[in-house]
């Protein structure tokens, strides 16, 4: 097989297939709808592993505390930060927010996995919601996600966030993650019984 044949015949069809998969995935994947909850809604534990996130953790926590969901706790685990992450979180005065210091990394564990495991042990909610420390949620995100999970009778839901980056490299590289998910994996198979 020659390079000419590969680039003239095979690559164009692969690009067409990729484009069609993207269109199909856009049809299958949808934004969760708004959902209203009463005050006695299940407690949601929003769990945030944080290490050297001084620049973004304030905005993250502010937006978590501004969620329209009526019953949540926010637990931030400071995983040995050497910047002002801890100070930023401590500047918030909200009874729903707890800041904890992470323990030393045991053998065989990786950093974020260990941080999330510790957060799981600290959570008191009926539902666990993991959020990266550099994530900025819209006010209805937790309500909509939990509504989607409840309506579907699912035990797990994962949201695909929009990416926003300040640097040129970030604006070029971060969208590639979403593009890869949209153009390489058929989203409809996620909930298919054939693949469980």
C-alpha atoms as a PDB file:
ATOM      1  CA  UNK A   1       0.000   0.000   0.000  1.00  0.00           C
ATOM      2  CA  UNK A   2       1.500   3.312  -1.074  1.00  0.00           C
ATOM      3  CA  UNK A   3       1.397   6.603   0.850  1.00  0.00           C
ATOM      4  CA  UNK A   4      -0.444   8.152  -2.058  1.00  0.00           C
ATOM      5  CA  UNK A   5      -3.227   5.552  -1.831  1.00  0.00           C
ATOM      6  CA  UNK A   6      -3.386   5.999   1.943  1.00  0.00           C
ATOM      7  CA  UNK A   7      -3.746   9.791   1.791  1.00  0.00           C
ATOM      8  CA  UNK A   8      -5.968   9.867  -1.297  1.00  0.00           C
ATOM      9  CA  UNK A   9      -8.368   7.046  -0.405  1.00  0.00           C
ATOM     10  CA  UNK A  10      -8.202   6.003   3.244  1.00  0.00           C
ATOM     11  CA  UNK A  11      -7.650   9.225   5.191  1.00  0.00           C
ATOM     12  CA  UNK A  12     -10.578  11.149   3.593  1.00  0.00           C
ATOM     13  CA  UNK A  13     -12.979   8.337   4.489  1.00  0.00           C
ATOM     14  CA  UNK A  14     -11.656   8.221   8.029  1.00  0.00           C
ATOM     15  CA  UNK A  15     -12.241  11.970   8.343  1.00  0.00           C
ATOM     16  CA  UNK A  16     -15.788  11.613   6.987  1.00  0.00           C
ATOM     17  CA  UNK A  17     -16.469   8.783   9.470  1.00  0.00           C
ATOM     18  CA  UNK A  18     -15.070  10.901  12.297  1.00  0.00           C
ATOM     19  CA  UNK A  19     -17.262  13.859  11.295  1.00  0.00           C
ATOM     20  CA  UNK A  20     -20.373  11.633  11.182  1.00  0.00           C
ATOM     21  CA  UNK A  21     -19.550  10.218  14.613  1.00  0.00           C
ATOM     22  CA  UNK A  22     -19.230  13.747  15.995  1.00  0.00           C
ATOM     23  CA  UNK A  23     -22.671  14.637  14.586  1.00  0.00           C
ATOM     24  CA  UNK A  24     -24.174  11.458  16.041  1.00  0.00           C
ATOM     25  CA  UNK A  25     -22.594  12.079  19.444  1.00  0.00           C
ATOM     26  CA  UNK A  26     -23.914  15.651  19.498  1.00  0.00           C
ATOM     27  CA  UNK A  27     -27.393  14.224  18.974  1.00  0.00           C
ATOM     28  CA  UNK A  28     -27.008  11.554  21.685  1.00  0.00           C
ATOM     29  CA  UNK A  29     -25.280  13.656  24.332  1.00  0.00           C
ATOM     30  CA  UNK A  30     -27.388  16.413  25.792  1.00  0.00           C
ATOM     31  CA  UNK A  31     -27.220  19.054  28.444  1.00  0.00           C
ATOM     32  CA  UNK A  32     -29.049  18.032  31.651  1.00  0.00           C
ATOM     33  CA  UNK A  33     -32.305  19.927  32.151  1.00  0.00           C
ATOM     34  CA  UNK A  34     -32.936  22.207  35.110  1.00  0.00           C
ATOM     35  CA  UNK A  35     -34.463  20.411  38.064  1.00  0.00           C
ATOM     36  CA  UNK A  36     -36.141  21.826  41.173  1.00  0.00           C
ATOM     37  CA  UNK A  37     -35.591  20.275  44.589  1.00  0.00           C
ATOM     38  CA  UNK A  38     -37.340  20.651  47.944  1.00  0.00           C
ATOM     39  CA  UNK A  39     -35.402  21.497  51.095  1.00  0.00           C
ATOM     40  CA  UNK A  40     -35.447  17.833  52.178  1.00  0.00           C
ATOM     41  CA  UNK A  41     -33.565  16.718  49.040  1.00  0.00           C
ATOM     42  CA  UNK A  42     -30.825  14.098  49.511  1.00  0.00           C
ATOM     43  CA  UNK A  43     -27.579  15.476  50.907  1.00  0.00           C
ATOM     44  CA  UNK A  44     -24.946  15.865  48.195  1.00  0.00           C
ATOM     45  CA  UNK A  45     -21.282  15.849  49.230  1.00  0.00           C
ATOM     46  CA  UNK A  46     -19.288  17.955  46.775  1.00  0.00           C
ATOM     47  CA  UNK A  47     -15.695  16.736  47.082  1.00  0.00           C
ATOM     48  CA  UNK A  48     -12.760  18.814  45.863  1.00  0.00           C
ATOM     49  CA  UNK A  49      -9.178  17.495  45.880  1.00  0.00           C
ATOM     50  CA  UNK A  50      -6.841  20.503  45.763  1.00  0.00           C
ATOM     51  CA  UNK A  51      -3.092  20.817  45.450  1.00  0.00           C
ATOM     52  CA  UNK A  52      -1.492  24.182  44.677  1.00  0.00           C
ATOM     53  CA  UNK A  53      -4.718  25.655  43.270  1.00  0.00           C
ATOM     54  CA  UNK A  54      -4.416  29.159  44.747  1.00  0.00           C
ATOM     55  CA  UNK A  55      -5.365  30.842  41.463  1.00  0.00           C
ATOM     56  CA  UNK A  56      -8.642  28.954  40.862  1.00  0.00           C
ATOM     57  CA  UNK A  57      -9.840  27.443  44.143  1.00  0.00           C
ATOM     58  CA  UNK A  58     -11.555  30.654  45.270  1.00  0.00           C
ATOM     59  CA  UNK A  59     -13.735  30.840  42.180  1.00  0.00           C
ATOM     60  CA  UNK A  60     -14.423  27.100  42.359  1.00  0.00           C
ATOM     61  CA  UNK A  61     -15.577  27.222  45.996  1.00  0.00           C
ATOM     62  CA  UNK A  62     -17.569  30.417  45.448  1.00  0.00           C
ATOM     63  CA  UNK A  63     -19.499  28.792  42.598  1.00  0.00           C
ATOM     64  CA  UNK A  64     -20.032  25.576  44.565  1.00  0.00           C
ATOM     65  CA  UNK A  65     -21.524  27.511  47.464  1.00  0.00           C
ATOM     66  CA  UNK A  66     -23.756  29.411  44.991  1.00  0.00           C
ATOM     67  CA  UNK A  67     -25.405  26.213  43.710  1.00  0.00           C
ATOM     68  CA  UNK A  68     -29.212  26.327  43.710  1.00  0.00           C
ATOM     69  CA  UNK A  69     -29.356  22.797  45.158  1.00  0.00           C
ATOM     70  CA  UNK A  70     -30.756  23.145  48.705  1.00  0.00           C
ATOM     71  CA  UNK A  71     -28.857  20.434  50.584  1.00  0.00           C
ATOM     72  CA  UNK A  72     -25.125  20.123  50.048  1.00  0.00           C
ATOM     73  CA  UNK A  73     -21.821  20.043  51.843  1.00  0.00           C
ATOM     74  CA  UNK A  74     -18.542  21.058  50.225  1.00  0.00           C
ATOM     75  CA  UNK A  75     -15.369  19.355  51.413  1.00  0.00           C
ATOM     76  CA  UNK A  76     -12.009  20.583  50.109  1.00  0.00           C
ATOM     77  CA  UNK A  77      -8.995  18.365  50.765  1.00  0.00           C
ATOM     78  CA  UNK A  78      -5.734  20.294  50.773  1.00  0.00           C
ATOM     79  CA  UNK A  79      -3.294  17.734  49.407  1.00  0.00           C
ATOM     80  CA  UNK A  80      -0.060  19.267  50.682  1.00  0.00           C
ATOM     81  CA  UNK A  81      -0.308  22.608  48.881  1.00  0.00           C
ATOM     82  CA  UNK A  82       2.756  24.851  49.080  1.00  0.00           C
ATOM     83  CA  UNK A  83       0.964  27.978  47.844  1.00  0.00           C
ATOM     84  CA  UNK A  84      -1.977  29.894  49.346  1.00  0.00           C
ATOM     85  CA  UNK A  85      -4.666  27.314  48.530  1.00  0.00           C
ATOM     86  CA  UNK A  86      -5.465  26.725  52.187  1.00  0.00           C
ATOM     87  CA  UNK A  87      -5.699  30.458  52.971  1.00  0.00           C
ATOM     88  CA  UNK A  88      -8.097  31.056  50.084  1.00  0.00           C
ATOM     89  CA  UNK A  89     -10.461  28.287  51.233  1.00  0.00           C
ATOM     90  CA  UNK A  90     -10.259  29.433  54.858  1.00  0.00           C
ATOM     91  CA  UNK A  91     -11.371  32.921  53.797  1.00  0.00           C
ATOM     92  CA  UNK A  92     -14.910  31.591  53.149  1.00  0.00           C
ATOM     93  CA  UNK A  93     -17.343  31.695  56.056  1.00  0.00           C
ATOM     94  CA  UNK A  94     -20.025  29.133  55.251  1.00  0.00           C
ATOM     95  CA  UNK A  95     -21.146  26.253  57.476  1.00  0.00           C
ATOM     96  CA  UNK A  96     -21.541  24.002  54.420  1.00  0.00           C
ATOM     97  CA  UNK A  97     -17.793  24.237  53.685  1.00  0.00           C
ATOM     98  CA  UNK A  98     -15.117  22.107  55.330  1.00  0.00           C
ATOM     99  CA  UNK A  99     -11.371  22.228  54.676  1.00  0.00           C
ATOM    100  CA  UNK A 100      -9.320  19.177  55.625  1.00  0.00           C
ATOM    101  CA  UNK A 101      -5.625  18.365  55.351  1.00  0.00           C
ATOM    102  CA  UNK A 102      -4.766  15.298  53.319  1.00  0.00           C
ATOM    103  CA  UNK A 103      -2.746  12.478  54.838  1.00  0.00           C
ATOM    104  CA  UNK A 104       0.614  11.232  53.568  1.00  0.00           C
ATOM    105  CA  UNK A 105       0.586   9.226  50.354  1.00  0.00           C
ATOM    106  CA  UNK A 106       0.667   5.484  51.106  1.00  0.00           C
ATOM    107  CA  UNK A 107       2.727   3.103  48.946  1.00  0.00           C
ATOM    108  CA  UNK A 108       0.947   1.989  45.786  1.00  0.00           C
ATOM    109  CA  UNK A 109      -1.347   5.020  45.582  1.00  0.00           C
ATOM    110  CA  UNK A 110      -1.247   8.000  43.233  1.00  0.00           C
ATOM    111  CA  UNK A 111      -1.970  11.537  44.436  1.00  0.00           C
ATOM    112  CA  UNK A 112      -5.465  12.332  43.168  1.00  0.00           C
ATOM    113  CA  UNK A 113      -6.767   8.801  43.758  1.00  0.00           C
ATOM    114  CA  UNK A 114      -5.593   8.965  47.368  1.00  0.00           C
ATOM    115  CA  UNK A 115      -7.108  12.438  47.826  1.00  0.00           C
ATOM    116  CA  UNK A 116     -10.467  11.250  46.430  1.00  0.00           C
ATOM    117  CA  UNK A 117     -10.392   8.145  48.625  1.00  0.00           C
ATOM    118  CA  UNK A 118      -9.867  10.325  51.720  1.00  0.00           C
ATOM    119  CA  UNK A 119     -12.703  12.629  50.638  1.00  0.00           C
ATOM    120  CA  UNK A 120     -15.012   9.635  50.246  1.00  0.00           C
ATOM    121  CA  UNK A 121     -14.327   8.643  53.860  1.00  0.00           C
ATOM    122  CA  UNK A 122     -15.116  12.188  55.077  1.00  0.00           C
ATOM    123  CA  UNK A 123     -18.341  12.617  53.110  1.00  0.00           C
ATOM    124  CA  UNK A 124     -21.680  12.321  54.895  1.00  0.00           C
ATOM    125  CA  UNK A 125     -23.928  12.790  51.846  1.00  0.00           C
ATOM    126  CA  UNK A 126     -26.204  10.336  50.080  1.00  0.00           C
ATOM    127  CA  UNK A 127     -24.589  11.308  46.763  1.00  0.00           C
ATOM    128  CA  UNK A 128     -20.911  12.016  46.094  1.00  0.00           C
ATOM    129  CA  UNK A 129     -19.994  14.694  43.557  1.00  0.00           C
ATOM    130  CA  UNK A 130     -16.302  14.997  42.649  1.00  0.00           C
ATOM    131  CA  UNK A 131     -15.185  18.347  41.241  1.00  0.00           C
ATOM    132  CA  UNK A 132     -11.689  19.411  40.190  1.00  0.00           C
ATOM    133  CA  UNK A 133     -10.371  22.488  41.989  1.00  0.00           C
ATOM    134  CA  UNK A 134     -10.092  24.450  38.739  1.00  0.00           C
ATOM    135  CA  UNK A 135     -13.715  23.813  37.722  1.00  0.00           C
ATOM    136  CA  UNK A 136     -16.292  26.616  37.648  1.00  0.00           C
ATOM    137  CA  UNK A 137     -19.866  25.315  37.786  1.00  0.00           C
ATOM    138  CA  UNK A 138     -23.022  27.071  36.665  1.00  0.00           C
ATOM    139  CA  UNK A 139     -25.486  27.592  39.578  1.00  0.00           C
ATOM    140  CA  UNK A 140     -27.829  24.821  38.412  1.00  0.00           C
ATOM    141  CA  UNK A 141     -25.194  22.147  37.735  1.00  0.00           C
ATOM    142  CA  UNK A 142     -25.636  20.007  40.869  1.00  0.00           C
ATOM    143  CA  UNK A 143     -29.455  20.212  40.682  1.00  0.00           C
ATOM    144  CA  UNK A 144     -29.513  19.280  37.015  1.00  0.00           C
ATOM    145  CA  UNK A 145     -26.977  16.455  37.366  1.00  0.00           C
ATOM    146  CA  UNK A 146     -28.785  14.895  40.316  1.00  0.00           C
ATOM    147  CA  UNK A 147     -32.108  15.273  38.504  1.00  0.00           C
ATOM    148  CA  UNK A 148     -30.674  13.510  35.465  1.00  0.00           C
ATOM    149  CA  UNK A 149     -29.273  10.731  37.637  1.00  0.00           C
ATOM    150  CA  UNK A 150     -32.576  10.287  39.493  1.00  0.00           C
ATOM    151  CA  UNK A 151     -34.710  10.376  36.331  1.00  0.00           C
ATOM    152  CA  UNK A 152     -32.512   7.753  34.673  1.00  0.00           C
ATOM    153  CA  UNK A 153     -32.337   5.565  37.783  1.00  0.00           C
ATOM    154  CA  UNK A 154     -28.568   5.663  37.412  1.00  0.00           C
ATOM    155  CA  UNK A 155     -25.970   5.106  40.085  1.00  0.00           C
ATOM    156  CA  UNK A 156     -23.422   7.327  38.356  1.00  0.00           C
ATOM    157  CA  UNK A 157     -23.437  10.313  36.062  1.00  0.00           C
ATOM    158  CA  UNK A 158     -20.481  12.052  34.471  1.00  0.00           C
ATOM    159  CA  UNK A 159     -20.660  15.522  32.967  1.00  0.00           C
ATOM    160  CA  UNK A 160     -18.471  16.733  30.139  1.00  0.00           C
ATOM    161  CA  UNK A 161     -17.501  20.301  31.008  1.00  0.00           C
ATOM    162  CA  UNK A 162     -16.698  23.113  28.633  1.00  0.00           C
ATOM    163  CA  UNK A 163     -13.040  23.978  28.704  1.00  0.00           C
ATOM    164  CA  UNK A 164     -11.784  27.499  29.165  1.00  0.00           C
ATOM    165  CA  UNK A 165      -8.113  28.370  29.230  1.00  0.00           C
ATOM    166  CA  UNK A 166      -6.273  31.642  29.557  1.00  0.00           C
ATOM    167  CA  UNK A 167      -3.150  30.718  27.649  1.00  0.00           C
ATOM    168  CA  UNK A 168      -2.768  30.121  23.921  1.00  0.00           C
ATOM    169  CA  UNK A 169      -1.499  26.578  24.568  1.00  0.00           C
ATOM    170  CA  UNK A 170      -4.511  25.866  26.776  1.00  0.00           C
ATOM    171  CA  UNK A 171      -6.936  27.170  24.162  1.00  0.00           C
ATOM    172  CA  UNK A 172      -5.336  24.862  21.599  1.00  0.00           C
ATOM    173  CA  UNK A 173      -4.796  21.727  23.714  1.00  0.00           C
ATOM    174  CA  UNK A 174      -7.814  21.520  26.060  1.00  0.00           C
ATOM    175  CA  UNK A 175     -10.492  21.325  23.337  1.00  0.00           C
ATOM    176  CA  UNK A 176      -8.628  18.315  21.928  1.00  0.00           C
ATOM    177  CA  UNK A 177      -9.759  16.267  24.939  1.00  0.00           C
ATOM    178  CA  UNK A 178     -13.417  16.937  24.146  1.00  0.00           C
ATOM    179  CA  UNK A 179     -12.758  16.452  20.447  1.00  0.00           C
ATOM    180  CA  UNK A 180     -11.163  13.067  21.122  1.00  0.00           C
ATOM    181  CA  UNK A 181     -14.168  11.960  23.185  1.00  0.00           C
ATOM    182  CA  UNK A 182     -16.599  13.153  20.506  1.00  0.00           C
ATOM    183  CA  UNK A 183     -14.717  11.823  17.492  1.00  0.00           C
ATOM    184  CA  UNK A 184     -13.374   8.475  18.698  1.00  0.00           C
ATOM    185  CA  UNK A 185     -16.020   6.965  20.977  1.00  0.00           C
ATOM    186  CA  UNK A 186     -19.691   6.328  20.159  1.00  0.00           C
ATOM    187  CA  UNK A 187     -21.516   7.928  23.100  1.00  0.00           C
ATOM    188  CA  UNK A 188     -24.668   5.847  22.603  1.00  0.00           C
ATOM    189  CA  UNK A 189     -22.806   2.735  23.752  1.00  0.00           C
ATOM    190  CA  UNK A 190     -22.241   4.239  27.226  1.00  0.00           C
ATOM    191  CA  UNK A 191     -25.715   3.297  28.422  1.00  0.00           C
ATOM    192  CA  UNK A 192     -26.163   0.217  26.256  1.00  0.00           C
ATOM    193  CA  UNK A 193     -26.842  -3.055  28.101  1.00  0.00           C
ATOM    194  CA  UNK A 194     -24.619  -4.838  25.542  1.00  0.00           C
ATOM    195  CA  UNK A 195     -21.524  -3.120  26.951  1.00  0.00           C
ATOM    196  CA  UNK A 196     -22.138  -3.571  30.703  1.00  0.00           C
END
